[in-house]
Amino acid sequence: MACGFTTNPDTIVVFENKPEIEEGFDTFKFVFWAFSPAIKAFKSCIPMICIDGTHFKGSYKGKLLTAVGKNANNQIIPIAFALVDEESNESWVWFLQMLQENVIENEKLYVISDRHPCILHAMGAQTYGWEHRYGLRHIRSNLLSKYTKVKPLKHLCWTVGSTTNQILYKNAFRAIKQASIEAWQYLQDAYVGKWTVYRDRQRSCWGNTMTNIAESLNNVLRHARMMPIKACIEYTFDYTRQEHV
């Protein structure tokens, strides 16, 4: 069920209910919302978003899914939100579907996220032609957790992911291979075209390599994640109207 608002007529809210337990009674399952100012603002932004999920706190359980973009001044644009029961294949597929149907007009969109299995599934299942990129910080964090004893990896992995220089890229990758063939293979298996700036030949992500704007928004909303649903939505509306650096 979708609905709008009198004061912001282009604002989108979509409810998804579970099958009726009793006739005439619906059980809440998911809710998606995107405010009109953010929908309009994103039309002037680069076709790139970061998506992430975070948990609710206190008495109210569930997960908050967010999609965030940036304008030409590198200011954060909170594009859309969803409250779901958990980060599952179903909830992430539904969230991306709601984005495509209600917010995103670009046929070519680049989505940056971590490698959460449910996000990987949802991006693999979508048929909109969106390209998926992995956050460099998550790639490096996972690498370091697997190969804790290989000291040069932290700096070298960051160089590989962030540089646009061919020589630096190849030298850093060569150094990783010399330090640990297993770590080198792990990065190769992570599809370097999805997390390195150098291999993004068309600069489709405009040099963006991280999901920090989505993580920053989740941090800002940490108080809202302890509120009832209605209060949480109002909080996100107040935040969306503000100007963010």
Protein backbone atom coordinates (compact mmCIF):
# COMPACT_ATOMS: atom_id res chain seq x y z
CA MET A 1 0.00 0.00 0.00
CA ALA A 2 1.44 3.37 -1.05
CA CYS A 3 0.40 6.78 0.22
CA GLY A 4 1.48 10.41 -0.05
CA PHE A 5 1.14 13.59 1.99
CA THR A 6 -0.90 16.76 1.59
CA THR A 7 2.00 19.10 2.39
CA ASN A 8 4.59 17.11 0.40
CA PRO A 9 2.51 15.47 -2.34
CA ASP A 10 5.44 13.75 -4.03
CA THR A 11 6.63 12.07 -0.84
CA ILE A 12 6.38 8.28 -1.06
CA VAL A 13 5.42 5.85 1.69
CA VAL A 14 4.88 2.17 0.91
CA PHE A 15 3.66 -0.42 3.42
CA GLU A 16 4.09 -4.14 2.97
CA ASN A 17 1.96 -6.34 5.21
CA LYS A 18 2.14 -10.00 6.07
CA PRO A 19 -0.71 -12.27 5.03
CA GLU A 20 -3.83 -11.75 7.13
CA ILE A 21 -3.93 -13.84 10.27
CA GLU A 22 -7.57 -12.97 10.78
CA GLU A 23 -9.96 -11.48 8.26
CA GLY A 24 -9.70 -7.71 8.28
CA PHE A 25 -6.45 -7.58 10.26
CA ASP A 26 -3.11 -6.90 8.56
CA THR A 27 0.24 -7.49 10.26
CA PHE A 28 2.95 -4.93 9.56
CA LYS A 29 6.03 -6.26 7.74
CA PHE A 30 8.01 -3.52 5.90
CA VAL A 31 7.67 0.22 5.37
CA PHE A 32 9.56 2.32 2.82
CA TRP A 33 9.66 6.10 2.71
CA ALA A 34 11.33 8.77 0.57
CA PHE A 35 10.70 12.48 0.99
CA SER A 36 9.85 14.68 -1.94
CA PRO A 37 12.77 17.16 -1.48
CA ALA A 38 15.28 14.29 -1.52
CA ILE A 39 13.70 12.63 -4.56
CA LYS A 40 13.89 15.91 -6.49
CA ALA A 41 17.42 16.69 -5.28
CA PHE A 42 18.77 13.32 -6.38
CA LYS A 43 17.81 14.08 -9.99
CA SER A 44 20.67 16.61 -10.01
CA CYS A 45 23.19 14.30 -8.31
CA ILE A 46 25.66 11.86 -9.80
CA PRO A 47 23.99 8.46 -10.42
CA MET A 48 25.64 6.81 -7.41
CA ILE A 49 24.21 5.75 -4.07
CA CYS A 50 25.49 4.01 -0.96
CA ILE A 51 23.23 1.53 0.79
CA ASP A 52 23.55 0.13 4.28
CA GLY A 53 21.54 -1.42 7.09
CA THR A 54 21.64 -0.92 10.83
CA HIS A 55 19.66 -2.26 13.78
CA PHE A 56 17.02 -0.57 15.93
CA LYS A 57 17.68 -0.28 19.64
CA GLY A 58 15.70 -0.47 22.84
CA SER A 59 12.18 -1.90 22.84
CA TYR A 60 11.72 -1.60 19.09
CA LYS A 61 13.31 -4.37 17.07
CA GLY A 62 14.05 -4.47 13.39
CA LYS A 63 16.52 -3.03 10.88
CA LEU A 64 16.73 0.36 9.22
CA LEU A 65 17.84 0.27 5.57
CA THR A 66 19.12 3.50 4.01
CA ALA A 67 20.10 4.79 0.57
CA VAL A 68 22.30 7.90 0.47
CA GLY A 69 23.71 10.04 -2.35
CA LYS A 70 25.91 13.11 -2.69
CA ASN A 71 25.47 16.35 -4.58
CA ALA A 72 28.15 18.29 -6.48
CA ASN A 73 29.30 19.95 -3.24
CA ASN A 74 29.84 16.55 -1.59
CA GLN A 75 26.86 17.12 0.67
CA ILE A 76 24.92 14.10 1.88
CA ILE A 77 21.48 13.51 0.37
CA PRO A 78 19.43 10.98 2.40
CA ILE A 79 17.41 9.49 -0.44
CA ALA A 80 15.27 6.75 1.05
CA PHE A 81 14.67 4.66 4.16
CA ALA A 82 12.99 1.39 5.04
CA LEU A 83 12.11 -0.32 8.28
CA VAL A 84 12.20 -4.12 7.97
CA ASP A 85 12.13 -7.04 10.36
CA GLU A 86 15.62 -8.21 9.42
CA GLU A 87 18.31 -7.93 6.74
CA SER A 88 17.20 -10.80 4.56
CA ASN A 89 17.23 -11.58 0.85
CA GLU A 90 13.54 -10.66 0.75
CA SER A 91 13.88 -7.32 2.55
CA TRP A 92 16.85 -6.10 0.47
CA VAL A 93 15.22 -7.16 -2.82
CA TRP A 94 12.06 -5.29 -1.75
CA PHE A 95 14.04 -2.18 -0.76
CA LEU A 96 15.83 -2.02 -4.12
CA GLN A 97 12.54 -2.58 -5.90
CA MET A 98 10.96 0.33 -4.02
CA LEU A 99 13.93 2.54 -4.93
CA GLN A 100 13.61 1.66 -8.59
CA GLU A 101 9.84 2.12 -8.73
CA ASN A 102 9.59 5.32 -6.71
CA VAL A 103 12.88 7.23 -6.63
CA ILE A 104 15.57 6.32 -9.16
CA GLU A 105 15.01 7.50 -12.72
CA ASN A 106 18.56 6.87 -13.96
CA GLU A 107 18.89 3.78 -16.08
CA LYS A 108 22.57 3.71 -15.16
CA LEU A 109 23.11 3.66 -11.41
CA TYR A 110 26.14 2.65 -9.35
CA VAL A 111 25.47 1.17 -5.94
CA ILE A 112 28.25 1.01 -3.32
CA SER A 113 27.84 -1.25 -0.31
CA ASP A 114 29.60 -3.74 1.87
CA ARG A 115 29.51 -7.40 0.86
CA HIS A 116 26.61 -8.42 3.07
CA PRO A 117 25.32 -11.72 1.59
CA CYS A 118 21.75 -10.41 1.33
CA ILE A 119 22.88 -7.26 -0.50
CA LEU A 120 24.93 -9.39 -2.88
CA HIS A 121 21.85 -11.52 -3.53
CA ALA A 122 19.58 -8.51 -4.05
CA MET A 123 21.99 -6.78 -6.43
CA GLY A 124 22.43 -10.03 -8.33
CA ALA A 125 18.66 -10.48 -8.59
CA GLN A 126 17.84 -6.95 -9.79
CA THR A 127 17.18 -6.48 -13.49
CA TYR A 128 17.43 -2.69 -13.68
CA GLY A 129 20.99 -2.66 -15.02
CA TRP A 130 22.46 -1.16 -11.84
CA GLU A 131 26.19 -1.72 -11.29
CA HIS A 132 27.45 -2.91 -7.91
CA ARG A 133 30.65 -1.67 -6.27
CA TYR A 134 32.18 -2.72 -2.95
CA GLY A 135 33.32 -0.32 -0.25
CA LEU A 136 37.12 -0.23 -0.03
CA ARG A 137 37.15 0.01 3.76
CA HIS A 138 35.14 -3.21 4.05
CA ILE A 139 37.39 -5.01 1.59
CA ARG A 140 40.45 -3.96 3.59
CA SER A 141 38.85 -4.78 6.94
CA ASN A 142 37.93 -8.29 5.79
CA LEU A 143 41.41 -8.78 4.34
CA LEU A 144 43.13 -7.76 7.59
CA SER A 145 40.84 -9.99 9.67
CA LYS A 146 41.88 -13.00 7.56
CA TYR A 147 45.60 -12.23 7.33
CA THR A 148 46.38 -10.52 10.62
CA LYS A 149 50.11 -11.33 10.59
CA VAL A 150 50.92 -9.72 7.23
CA LYS A 151 51.79 -6.19 8.34
CA PRO A 152 52.11 -4.31 4.99
CA LEU A 153 48.60 -5.24 3.85
CA LYS A 154 46.78 -2.29 5.43
CA HIS A 155 48.68 0.35 3.48
CA LEU A 156 49.07 -1.69 0.29
CA CYS A 157 45.39 -2.61 0.03
CA TRP A 158 44.40 1.02 0.44
CA THR A 159 46.83 2.05 -2.29
CA VAL A 160 45.47 -0.58 -4.66
CA GLY A 161 41.90 0.52 -4.06
CA SER A 162 42.30 4.31 -4.09
CA THR A 163 45.01 5.16 -6.62
CA THR A 164 44.36 6.15 -10.23
CA ASN A 165 48.05 5.71 -11.10
CA GLN A 166 48.88 2.57 -13.07
CA ILE A 167 52.40 2.20 -11.69
CA LEU A 168 51.31 2.60 -8.05
CA TYR A 169 48.46 0.17 -8.60
CA LYS A 170 50.64 -2.55 -10.14
CA ASN A 171 53.51 -2.07 -7.69
CA ALA A 172 51.18 -2.27 -4.68
CA PHE A 173 49.48 -5.39 -6.01
CA ARG A 174 52.89 -6.95 -6.71
CA ALA A 175 53.99 -6.17 -3.15
CA ILE A 176 50.85 -7.82 -1.77
CA LYS A 177 51.57 -10.95 -3.80
CA GLN A 178 55.13 -11.05 -2.48
CA ALA A 179 53.93 -10.57 1.11
CA SER A 180 51.15 -13.18 0.94
CA ILE A 181 50.00 -15.13 -2.08
CA GLU A 182 46.81 -16.03 -0.19
CA ALA A 183 45.98 -12.37 0.48
CA TRP A 184 46.66 -11.53 -3.16
CA GLN A 185 44.34 -14.30 -4.30
CA TYR A 186 41.64 -13.12 -1.87
CA LEU A 187 41.71 -9.65 -3.43
CA GLN A 188 41.62 -11.12 -6.92
CA ASP A 189 38.57 -13.18 -5.99
CA ALA A 190 36.88 -9.99 -4.72
CA TYR A 191 36.74 -8.72 -8.34
CA VAL A 192 39.12 -5.75 -8.45
CA GLY A 193 36.89 -3.97 -10.94
CA LYS A 194 34.30 -3.56 -8.18
CA TRP A 195 36.42 -1.87 -5.50
CA THR A 196 39.46 -0.19 -7.14
CA VAL A 197 39.42 3.27 -8.67
CA TYR A 198 42.09 2.38 -11.23
CA ARG A 199 40.04 -0.49 -12.69
CA ASP A 200 36.95 1.74 -12.80
CA ARG A 201 38.11 2.96 -16.20
CA GLN A 202 35.07 5.12 -16.90
CA ARG A 203 35.28 6.74 -13.46
CA SER A 204 31.66 5.76 -13.06
CA CYS A 205 31.73 6.26 -9.29
CA TRP A 206 33.54 9.62 -9.54
CA GLY A 207 36.30 8.39 -7.25
CA ASN A 208 33.93 7.25 -4.49
CA THR A 209 35.28 4.09 -2.92
CA MET A 210 33.55 3.90 0.47
CA THR A 211 30.15 3.64 2.10
CA ASN A 212 31.04 6.20 4.76
CA ILE A 213 28.18 8.56 3.82
CA ALA A 214 25.64 5.80 4.57
CA GLU A 215 27.46 4.87 7.78
CA SER A 216 27.56 8.55 8.80
CA LEU A 217 23.81 8.80 8.31
CA ASN A 218 23.27 5.69 10.42
CA ASN A 219 25.33 7.29 13.16
CA VAL A 220 23.29 10.51 12.98
CA LEU A 221 20.11 8.45 13.27
CA ARG A 222 21.29 6.51 16.32
CA HIS A 223 18.79 8.33 18.56
CA ALA A 224 15.94 7.84 16.07
CA ARG A 225 16.61 4.10 16.14
CA MET A 226 15.32 4.00 19.72
CA MET A 227 12.01 5.67 18.80
CA PRO A 228 8.63 4.29 17.72
CA ILE A 229 8.15 4.06 13.95
CA LYS A 230 6.18 7.30 13.57
CA ALA A 231 8.71 9.30 15.61
CA CYS A 232 11.60 7.75 13.67
CA ILE A 233 10.05 8.80 10.35
CA GLU A 234 9.49 12.35 11.65
CA TYR A 235 13.13 12.49 12.77
CA THR A 236 14.34 11.45 9.33
CA PHE A 237 12.14 14.14 7.76
CA ASP A 238 13.61 16.87 9.98
CA TYR A 239 17.12 15.68 9.16
CA THR A 240 16.44 15.50 5.41
CA ARG A 241 15.31 19.15 5.36
CA GLN A 242 18.60 20.31 6.84
CA GLU A 243 21.71 21.21 4.86
CA HIS A 244 24.52 18.69 5.32
CA VAL A 245 28.21 18.84 4.55
